[in-house]
C-alpha atoms as a PDB file:
ATOM      1  CA  MET A   1      58.695 111.722  36.951  1.00  0.00           C
ATOM      2  CA  GLU A   2      62.305 112.042  38.148  1.00  0.00           C
ATOM      3  CA  GLY A   3      61.109 113.204  41.565  1.00  0.00           C
ATOM      4  CA  LYS A   4      58.692 110.287  41.832  1.00  0.00           C
ATOM      5  CA  ILE A   5      61.407 107.769  40.988  1.00  0.00           C
ATOM      6  CA  LYS A   6      63.730 109.225  43.601  1.00  0.00           C
ATOM      7  CA  GLU A   7      61.010 109.013  46.224  1.00  0.00           C
ATOM      8  CA  TRP A   8      60.105 105.433  45.246  1.00  0.00           C
ATOM      9  CA  ILE A   9      63.718 104.401  45.724  1.00  0.00           C
ATOM     10  CA  LYS A  10      64.282 106.233  48.993  1.00  0.00           C
ATOM     11  CA  SER A  11      60.977 105.049  50.441  1.00  0.00           C
ATOM     12  CA  PHE A  12      61.607 101.431  49.423  1.00  0.00           C
ATOM     13  CA  VAL A  13      65.016 101.337  51.128  1.00  0.00           C
ATOM     14  CA  ARG A  14      63.599 102.950  54.257  1.00  0.00           C
ATOM     15  CA  LYS A  15      60.699 100.472  54.497  1.00  0.00           C
ATOM     16  CA  TYR A  16      62.936  97.503  53.666  1.00  0.00           C
ATOM     17  CA  SER A  17      65.162  98.422  56.618  1.00  0.00           C
ATOM     18  CA  GLU A  18      62.237  98.950  58.978  1.00  0.00           C
ATOM     19  CA  LEU A  19      60.505  95.670  58.097  1.00  0.00           C
ATOM     20  CA  ARG A  20      63.690  93.682  58.712  1.00  0.00           C
ATOM     21  CA  SER A  21      64.906  95.742  61.677  1.00  0.00           C
ATOM     22  CA  ILE A  22      68.323  96.272  60.080  1.00  0.00           C
ATOM     23  CA  ASN A  23      70.362  99.438  59.848  1.00  0.00           C
ATOM     24  CA  PHE A  24      72.904  98.908  57.077  1.00  0.00           C
ATOM     25  CA  TRP A  25      72.125 101.871  54.847  1.00  0.00           C
ATOM     26  CA  ARG A  26      71.841 105.638  54.600  1.00  0.00           C
ATOM     27  CA  GLU A  27      69.503 107.399  52.178  1.00  0.00           C
ATOM     28  CA  PRO A  28      70.218 106.491  48.530  1.00  0.00           C
ATOM     29  CA  VAL A  29      71.553 108.848  45.879  1.00  0.00           C
ATOM     30  CA  VAL A  30      69.687 108.610  42.560  1.00  0.00           C
ATOM     31  CA  GLY A  31      70.588 109.742  39.045  1.00  0.00           C
ATOM     32  CA  PHE A  32      69.523 109.392  35.421  1.00  0.00           C
ATOM     33  CA  ALA A  33      71.401 108.896  32.159  1.00  0.00           C
ATOM     34  CA  ASP A  34      70.444 109.230  28.520  1.00  0.00           C
ATOM     35  CA  ALA A  35      70.353 105.750  26.973  1.00  0.00           C
ATOM     36  CA  THR A  36      72.006 106.725  23.686  1.00  0.00           C
ATOM     37  CA  SER A  37      75.152 108.753  22.993  1.00  0.00           C
ATOM     38  CA  PRO A  38      76.922 108.469  26.386  1.00  0.00           C
ATOM     39  CA  PHE A  39      76.865 104.676  26.092  1.00  0.00           C
ATOM     40  CA  GLU A  40      78.217 104.747  22.559  1.00  0.00           C
ATOM     41  CA  ARG A  41      81.204 106.653  23.942  1.00  0.00           C
ATOM     42  CA  LEU A  42      81.473 104.212  26.856  1.00  0.00           C
ATOM     43  CA  ARG A  43      81.780 101.307  24.432  1.00  0.00           C
ATOM     44  CA  LYS A  44      84.968 102.894  23.097  1.00  0.00           C
ATOM     45  CA  VAL A  45      86.414 102.479  26.604  1.00  0.00           C
ATOM     46  CA  ILE A  46      84.887  99.065  27.422  1.00  0.00           C
ATOM     47  CA  ASP A  47      84.613  97.089  24.170  1.00  0.00           C
ATOM     48  CA  ASN A  48      82.056  94.554  25.353  1.00  0.00           C
ATOM     49  CA  HIS A  49      79.838  96.965  27.298  1.00  0.00           C
ATOM     50  CA  LEU A  50      76.222  96.553  26.269  1.00  0.00           C
ATOM     51  CA  LEU A  51      74.178  99.458  24.975  1.00  0.00           C
ATOM     52  CA  PRO A  52      70.812  99.996  26.700  1.00  0.00           C
ATOM     53  CA  GLU A  53      69.084  99.489  23.336  1.00  0.00           C
ATOM     54  CA  GLU A  54      70.662  96.025  23.102  1.00  0.00           C
ATOM     55  CA  ILE A  55      69.052  95.085  26.412  1.00  0.00           C
ATOM     56  CA  LEU A  56      65.702  96.844  26.018  1.00  0.00           C
ATOM     57  CA  GLU A  57      64.468  97.828  22.571  1.00  0.00           C
ATOM     58  CA  GLY A  58      63.393 101.456  22.532  1.00  0.00           C
ATOM     59  CA  ALA A  59      65.374 102.333  25.671  1.00  0.00           C
ATOM     60  CA  ARG A  60      65.347 106.059  26.415  1.00  0.00           C
ATOM     61  CA  SER A  61      66.872 106.372  29.891  1.00  0.00           C
ATOM     62  CA  VAL A  62      68.821 104.562  32.588  1.00  0.00           C
ATOM     63  CA  VAL A  63      68.022 104.966  36.288  1.00  0.00           C
ATOM     64  CA  VAL A  64      70.980 104.397  38.608  1.00  0.00           C
ATOM     65  CA  PHE A  65      71.170 104.517  42.392  1.00  0.00           C
ATOM     66  CA  PHE A  66      73.867 104.313  45.058  1.00  0.00           C
ATOM     67  CA  ILE A  67      72.905 102.824  48.423  1.00  0.00           C
ATOM     68  CA  PRO A  68      75.508 104.038  50.957  1.00  0.00           C
ATOM     69  CA  PHE A  69      76.440 101.974  53.988  1.00  0.00           C
ATOM     70  CA  THR A  70      76.158 103.397  57.494  1.00  0.00           C
ATOM     71  CA  LYS A  71      79.196 104.511  59.446  1.00  0.00           C
ATOM     72  CA  GLU A  72      78.880 101.417  61.640  1.00  0.00           C
ATOM     73  CA  VAL A  73      79.132  99.056  58.669  1.00  0.00           C
ATOM     74  CA  VAL A  74      82.127 100.923  57.264  1.00  0.00           C
ATOM     75  CA  GLU A  75      84.019 101.156  60.555  1.00  0.00           C
ATOM     76  CA  SER A  76      83.519  97.439  61.192  1.00  0.00           C
ATOM     77  CA  ASN A  77      85.657  96.696  58.129  1.00  0.00           C
ATOM     78  CA  VAL A  78      88.626  98.956  58.884  1.00  0.00           C
ATOM     79  CA  LYS A  79      90.756  96.453  60.784  1.00  0.00           C
ATOM     80  CA  GLY A  80      91.677  92.827  60.221  1.00  0.00           C
ATOM     81  CA  LYS A  81      92.851  90.770  57.260  1.00  0.00           C
ATOM     82  CA  TYR A  82      89.453  89.509  56.201  1.00  0.00           C
ATOM     83  CA  ALA A  83      86.296  91.513  55.621  1.00  0.00           C
ATOM     84  CA  SER A  84      84.238  91.955  58.787  1.00  0.00           C
ATOM     85  CA  ARG A  85      81.159  89.775  59.230  1.00  0.00           C
ATOM     86  CA  LEU A  86      78.992  92.908  59.268  1.00  0.00           C
ATOM     87  CA  TRP A  87      80.508  94.030  55.955  1.00  0.00           C
ATOM     88  CA  ALA A  88      79.959  90.569  54.465  1.00  0.00           C
ATOM     89  CA  THR A  89      76.342  90.273  55.609  1.00  0.00           C
ATOM     90  CA  SER A  90      75.654  93.847  54.471  1.00  0.00           C
ATOM     91  CA  TYR A  91      76.954  92.926  51.014  1.00  0.00           C
ATOM     92  CA  VAL A  92      74.682  89.894  50.769  1.00  0.00           C
ATOM     93  CA  GLU A  93      71.632  91.768  52.061  1.00  0.00           C
ATOM     94  CA  THR A  94      72.295  94.793  49.843  1.00  0.00           C
ATOM     95  CA  ASN A  95      72.437  92.650  46.711  1.00  0.00           C
ATOM     96  CA  ARG A  96      69.056  91.212  47.724  1.00  0.00           C
ATOM     97  CA  LEU A  97      67.728  94.719  48.368  1.00  0.00           C
ATOM     98  CA  ILE A  98      68.956  96.010  45.003  1.00  0.00           C
ATOM     99  CA  SER A  99      67.258  93.185  43.116  1.00  0.00           C
ATOM    100  CA  GLU A 100      63.945  93.752  44.882  1.00  0.00           C
ATOM    101  CA  LEU A 101      64.209  97.539  44.613  1.00  0.00           C
ATOM    102  CA  ALA A 102      65.004  97.541  40.892  1.00  0.00           C
ATOM    103  CA  ASN A 103      62.111  95.186  40.169  1.00  0.00           C
ATOM    104  CA  TYR A 104      59.818  97.375  42.279  1.00  0.00           C
ATOM    105  CA  VAL A 105      60.727 100.497  40.284  1.00  0.00           C
ATOM    106  CA  VAL A 106      60.339  98.565  37.023  1.00  0.00           C
ATOM    107  CA  GLY A 107      56.827  97.602  38.127  1.00  0.00           C
ATOM    108  CA  LYS A 108      55.945 101.211  38.964  1.00  0.00           C
ATOM    109  CA  LEU A 109      57.199 102.431  35.583  1.00  0.00           C
ATOM    110  CA  GLU A 110      55.457  99.681  33.638  1.00  0.00           C
ATOM    111  CA  ALA A 111      52.203 100.467  35.452  1.00  0.00           C
ATOM    112  CA  ARG A 112      52.540 103.921  33.876  1.00  0.00           C
ATOM    113  CA  GLY A 113      53.088 102.449  30.410  1.00  0.00           C
ATOM    114  CA  TYR A 114      56.901 102.493  30.220  1.00  0.00           C
ATOM    115  CA  ALA A 115      58.550  99.165  29.442  1.00  0.00           C
ATOM    116  CA  SER A 116      61.541  98.767  31.766  1.00  0.00           C
ATOM    117  CA  LEU A 117      64.125  96.165  32.746  1.00  0.00           C
ATOM    118  CA  ALA A 118      66.211  95.694  35.910  1.00  0.00           C
ATOM    119  CA  LEU A 119      69.891  94.748  35.737  1.00  0.00           C
ATOM    120  CA  PRO A 120      71.475  92.255  38.182  1.00  0.00           C
ATOM    121  CA  PRO A 121      73.413  93.948  41.005  1.00  0.00           C
ATOM    122  CA  THR A 122      76.558  91.854  40.551  1.00  0.00           C
ATOM    123  CA  HIS A 123      78.152  88.691  39.110  1.00  0.00           C
ATOM    124  CA  ASN A 124      77.534  89.795  35.514  1.00  0.00           C
ATOM    125  CA  PHE A 125      81.191  89.754  34.484  1.00  0.00           C
ATOM    126  CA  ASP A 126      83.635  87.560  32.579  1.00  0.00           C
ATOM    127  CA  GLU A 127      85.586  85.679  35.264  1.00  0.00           C
ATOM    128  CA  VAL A 128      88.552  85.253  32.912  1.00  0.00           C
ATOM    129  CA  ASN A 129      88.995  88.880  31.844  1.00  0.00           C
ATOM    130  CA  LEU A 130      87.198  90.331  34.891  1.00  0.00           C
ATOM    131  CA  ILE A 131      85.289  92.738  32.672  1.00  0.00           C
ATOM    132  CA  SER A 132      81.565  93.323  33.063  1.00  0.00           C
ATOM    133  CA  ASP A 133      79.183  93.733  30.134  1.00  0.00           C
ATOM    134  CA  TRP A 134      77.250  96.270  32.229  1.00  0.00           C
ATOM    135  CA  SER A 135      79.145  98.532  34.629  1.00  0.00           C
ATOM    136  CA  HIS A 136      76.950 100.154  37.271  1.00  0.00           C
ATOM    137  CA  LYS A 137      79.958 102.319  38.202  1.00  0.00           C
ATOM    138  CA  HIS A 138      80.334 103.768  34.731  1.00  0.00           C
ATOM    139  CA  VAL A 139      76.588 104.271  34.388  1.00  0.00           C
ATOM    140  CA  ALA A 140      76.615 106.166  37.694  1.00  0.00           C
ATOM    141  CA  TYR A 141      79.528 108.287  36.472  1.00  0.00           C
ATOM    142  CA  ILE A 142      77.635 109.141  33.268  1.00  0.00           C
ATOM    143  CA  ALA A 143      74.584 110.095  35.348  1.00  0.00           C
ATOM    144  CA  GLY A 144      76.670 112.462  37.482  1.00  0.00           C
ATOM    145  CA  LEU A 145      76.555 110.525  40.755  1.00  0.00           C
ATOM    146  CA  GLY A 146      80.288 110.818  41.333  1.00  0.00           C
ATOM    147  CA  THR A 147      83.851 110.387  40.094  1.00  0.00           C
ATOM    148  CA  PHE A 148      86.361 107.555  40.257  1.00  0.00           C
ATOM    149  CA  GLY A 149      88.843 107.244  43.091  1.00  0.00           C
ATOM    150  CA  PHE A 150      92.383 105.887  42.845  1.00  0.00           C
ATOM    151  CA  HIS A 151      90.928 102.635  44.211  1.00  0.00           C
ATOM    152  CA  THR A 152      88.726 102.551  41.049  1.00  0.00           C
ATOM    153  CA  MET A 153      85.527 102.790  43.096  1.00  0.00           C
ATOM    154  CA  LEU A 154      82.998 105.556  42.507  1.00  0.00           C
ATOM    155  CA  ILE A 155      83.075 108.364  45.075  1.00  0.00           C
ATOM    156  CA  THR A 156      79.633 109.930  45.493  1.00  0.00           C
ATOM    157  CA  GLU A 157      78.386 112.752  47.703  1.00  0.00           C
ATOM    158  CA  LYS A 158      77.943 110.033  50.352  1.00  0.00           C
ATOM    159  CA  GLY A 159      81.325 108.442  49.826  1.00  0.00           C
ATOM    160  CA  CYS A 160      82.360 105.221  48.132  1.00  0.00           C
ATOM    161  CA  CYS A 161      81.194 102.612  50.655  1.00  0.00           C
ATOM    162  CA  GLY A 162      77.947 101.174  49.382  1.00  0.00           C
ATOM    163  CA  ARG A 163      76.423  99.372  46.416  1.00  0.00           C
ATOM    164  CA  LEU A 164      75.141 100.483  43.020  1.00  0.00           C
ATOM    165  CA  GLY A 165      72.148  99.315  41.032  1.00  0.00           C
ATOM    166  CA  SER A 166      70.508 100.352  37.773  1.00  0.00           C
ATOM    167  CA  LEU A 167      67.605  99.721  35.421  1.00  0.00           C
ATOM    168  CA  ILE A 168      66.704 100.644  31.859  1.00  0.00           C
ATOM    169  CA  THR A 169      63.411 102.225  30.811  1.00  0.00           C
ATOM    170  CA  ARG A 170      61.578 103.624  27.818  1.00  0.00           C
ATOM    171  CA  ALA A 171      60.547 106.603  29.929  1.00  0.00           C
ATOM    172  CA  GLU A 172      62.283 109.795  28.841  1.00  0.00           C
ATOM    173  CA  LEU A 173      63.962 111.270  31.909  1.00  0.00           C
ATOM    174  CA  LYS A 174      66.126 114.349  32.310  1.00  0.00           C
ATOM    175  CA  PRO A 175      69.724 113.074  32.348  1.00  0.00           C
ATOM    176  CA  GLY A 176      72.472 114.199  34.654  1.00  0.00           C
ATOM    177  CA  GLU A 177      75.982 115.023  33.475  1.00  0.00           C
ATOM    178  CA  PRO A 178      79.384 113.724  34.588  1.00  0.00           C
ATOM    179  CA  LYS A 179      80.893 115.785  37.389  1.00  0.00           C
ATOM    180  CA  LYS A 180      83.446 118.346  36.256  1.00  0.00           C
ATOM    181  CA  GLU A 181      85.270 118.453  39.587  1.00  0.00           C
ATOM    182  CA  GLU A 182      87.179 115.456  40.932  1.00  0.00           C
ATOM    183  CA  PHE A 183      86.102 114.000  44.282  1.00  0.00           C
ATOM    184  CA  CYS A 184      89.272 111.909  44.790  1.00  0.00           C
ATOM    185  CA  LEU A 185      92.007 113.830  46.610  1.00  0.00           C
ATOM    186  CA  HIS A 186      94.747 112.221  44.514  1.00  0.00           C
ATOM    187  CA  ALA A 187      92.914 113.146  41.306  1.00  0.00           C
ATOM    188  CA  ARG A 188      92.853 116.753  42.571  1.00  0.00           C
ATOM    189  CA  GLY A 189      96.634 116.675  42.810  1.00  0.00           C
ATOM    190  CA  LEU A 190      96.711 116.354  46.600  1.00  0.00           C
ATOM    191  CA  GLU A 191      98.598 113.859  48.727  1.00  0.00           C
ATOM    192  CA  CYS A 192      96.490 110.924  49.825  1.00  0.00           C
ATOM    193  CA  ARG A 193      96.377 107.434  48.305  1.00  0.00           C
ATOM    194  CA  MET A 194      95.392 106.144  51.734  1.00  0.00           C
ATOM    195  CA  CYS A 195      93.482 103.448  49.868  1.00  0.00           C
ATOM    196  CA  VAL A 196      96.822 101.937  48.818  1.00  0.00           C
ATOM    197  CA  LYS A 197      97.955 101.725  52.434  1.00  0.00           C
ATOM    198  CA  LYS A 198      94.632 100.152  53.432  1.00  0.00           C
ATOM    199  CA  CYS A 199      94.909  97.278  50.939  1.00  0.00           C
ATOM    200  CA  ALA A 200      96.148  94.463  53.175  1.00  0.00           C
ATOM    201  CA  PHE A 201      97.053  92.162  50.295  1.00  0.00           C
ATOM    202  CA  GLY A 202      98.995  94.432  47.939  1.00  0.00           C
ATOM    203  CA  ALA A 203      96.443  94.259  45.135  1.00  0.00           C
ATOM    204  CA  LEU A 204      96.250  98.061  45.047  1.00  0.00           C
ATOM    205  CA  LYS A 205      99.653  99.670  44.569  1.00  0.00           C
ATOM    206  CA  GLN A 206     101.039 103.078  43.713  1.00  0.00           C
ATOM    207  CA  ASN A 207     100.927 102.160  40.013  1.00  0.00           C
ATOM    208  CA  GLY A 208      97.324 100.951  40.058  1.00  0.00           C
ATOM    209  CA  LEU A 209      95.056  97.993  40.772  1.00  0.00           C
ATOM    210  CA  ASP A 210      95.882  94.361  40.035  1.00  0.00           C
ATOM    211  CA  LYS A 211      92.326  93.207  39.250  1.00  0.00           C
ATOM    212  CA  ARG A 212      93.240  89.526  39.257  1.00  0.00           C
ATOM    213  CA  LYS A 213      94.802  89.699  42.711  1.00  0.00           C
ATOM    214  CA  CYS A 214      91.893  91.775  44.005  1.00  0.00           C
ATOM    215  CA  TYR A 215      89.411  89.178  42.777  1.00  0.00           C
ATOM    216  CA  GLU A 216      91.421  86.356  44.358  1.00  0.00           C
ATOM    217  CA  ILE A 217      91.197  88.183  47.696  1.00  0.00           C
ATOM    218  CA  CYS A 218      87.439  88.532  47.284  1.00  0.00           C
ATOM    219  CA  LEU A 219      87.145  84.799  46.658  1.00  0.00           C
ATOM    220  CA  GLU A 220      89.285  84.140  49.734  1.00  0.00           C
ATOM    221  CA  ASN A 221      86.769  86.143  51.776  1.00  0.00           C
ATOM    222  CA  ASP A 222      83.984  84.047  50.270  1.00  0.00           C
ATOM    223  CA  ARG A 223      85.719  80.893  51.487  1.00  0.00           C
ATOM    224  CA  PHE A 224      86.225  82.488  54.906  1.00  0.00           C
ATOM    225  CA  PHE A 225      82.480  83.197  55.205  1.00  0.00           C
ATOM    226  CA  ASN A 226      81.447  79.753  54.007  1.00  0.00           C
ATOM    227  CA  ASP A 227      78.246  79.883  56.058  1.00  0.00           C
ATOM    228  CA  LEU A 228      76.952  82.809  53.978  1.00  0.00           C
ATOM    229  CA  PRO A 229      75.759  82.982  50.356  1.00  0.00           C
ATOM    230  CA  LEU A 230      78.358  84.075  47.787  1.00  0.00           C
ATOM    231  CA  THR A 231      80.417  86.722  49.598  1.00  0.00           C
ATOM    232  CA  ASP A 232      83.199  87.686  47.186  1.00  0.00           C
ATOM    233  CA  VAL A 233      83.981  90.965  48.928  1.00  0.00           C
ATOM    234  CA  CYS A 234      86.818  92.850  50.595  1.00  0.00           C
ATOM    235  CA  GLY A 235      86.419  96.643  50.688  1.00  0.00           C
ATOM    236  CA  LYS A 236      89.511  97.299  52.820  1.00  0.00           C
ATOM    237  CA  CYS A 237      90.749 100.008  50.433  1.00  0.00           C
ATOM    238  CA  ALA A 238      87.454 101.888  50.815  1.00  0.00           C
ATOM    239  CA  CYS A 239      87.104 101.785  54.605  1.00  0.00           C
ATOM    240  CA  GLY A 240      88.772 104.206  56.988  1.00  0.00           C
ATOM    241  CA  VAL A 241      89.817 106.576  54.191  1.00  0.00           C
ATOM    242  CA  PRO A 242      88.772 110.213  53.558  1.00  0.00           C
ATOM    243  CA  CYS A 243      86.256 109.240  50.858  1.00  0.00           C
ATOM    244  CA  SER A 244      84.574 106.380  52.744  1.00  0.00           C
ATOM    245  CA  LEU A 245      81.444 108.285  53.765  1.00  0.00           C
ATOM    246  CA  ARG A 246      81.574 111.617  51.939  1.00  0.00           C
ATOM    247  CA  ILE A 247      83.424 113.762  49.434  1.00  0.00           C
ATOM    248  CA  PRO A 248      86.713 114.523  51.197  1.00  0.00           C
ATOM    249  CA  ASP A 249      87.633 118.162  51.645  1.00  0.00           C
ATOM    250  CA  ASP A 250      91.161 119.395  51.035  1.00  0.00           C
ATOM    251  CA  SER A 251      91.961 119.417  54.748  1.00  0.00           C
ATOM    252  CA  ARG A 252      90.578 115.865  55.235  1.00  0.00           C
END
């Protein structure tokens, strides 16, 4: 079943791109998490994080996927104060893709007798505390898709530039495990923190991320792209850095 799910996801993204004649994405990375004990531990870190069972009674597994952006999309967002138009439109289109993809996989699983439920790709957080009740990043970490960078984004085998989505199912799937090795150069004890230098607004500093300031910048980008749907993005810290498109090696 795991192999089928991976192929459903990869095939859907490929066909979605072809039908719309757009080239925003590389092949997705897919993982699976057990719906029980890892999430009980996660709640100790994020108090209000929902358990899969609270969303779908009888939940057994969580499917999570990372849809990486192409090099062209990433490089378009390296320079300038505001996010590039390509980055902004990719964000909007990827959220649409994730919603359709997750619902497609849910349909395939339910056709095989497994009740399933898709989670929204974004905007499921408390705008006061800026804490989400369902973190795709942490789910992906639990499933072994990657590790956290100093910029707080998840670094996968295809880098950190992309979008995450997930869904819950009663199907019992073989879970992955969190990575034992760090993908972030700084976390490995090496000099880097290029993400700090790339943050044009000072939201990301040597002592960590100011989430409030980061969110304000994202909203400023939304106002800048007022002809697009909600575009609360930035991504400067993730573009033009060693982990943008891959796991950085020690030599960078």
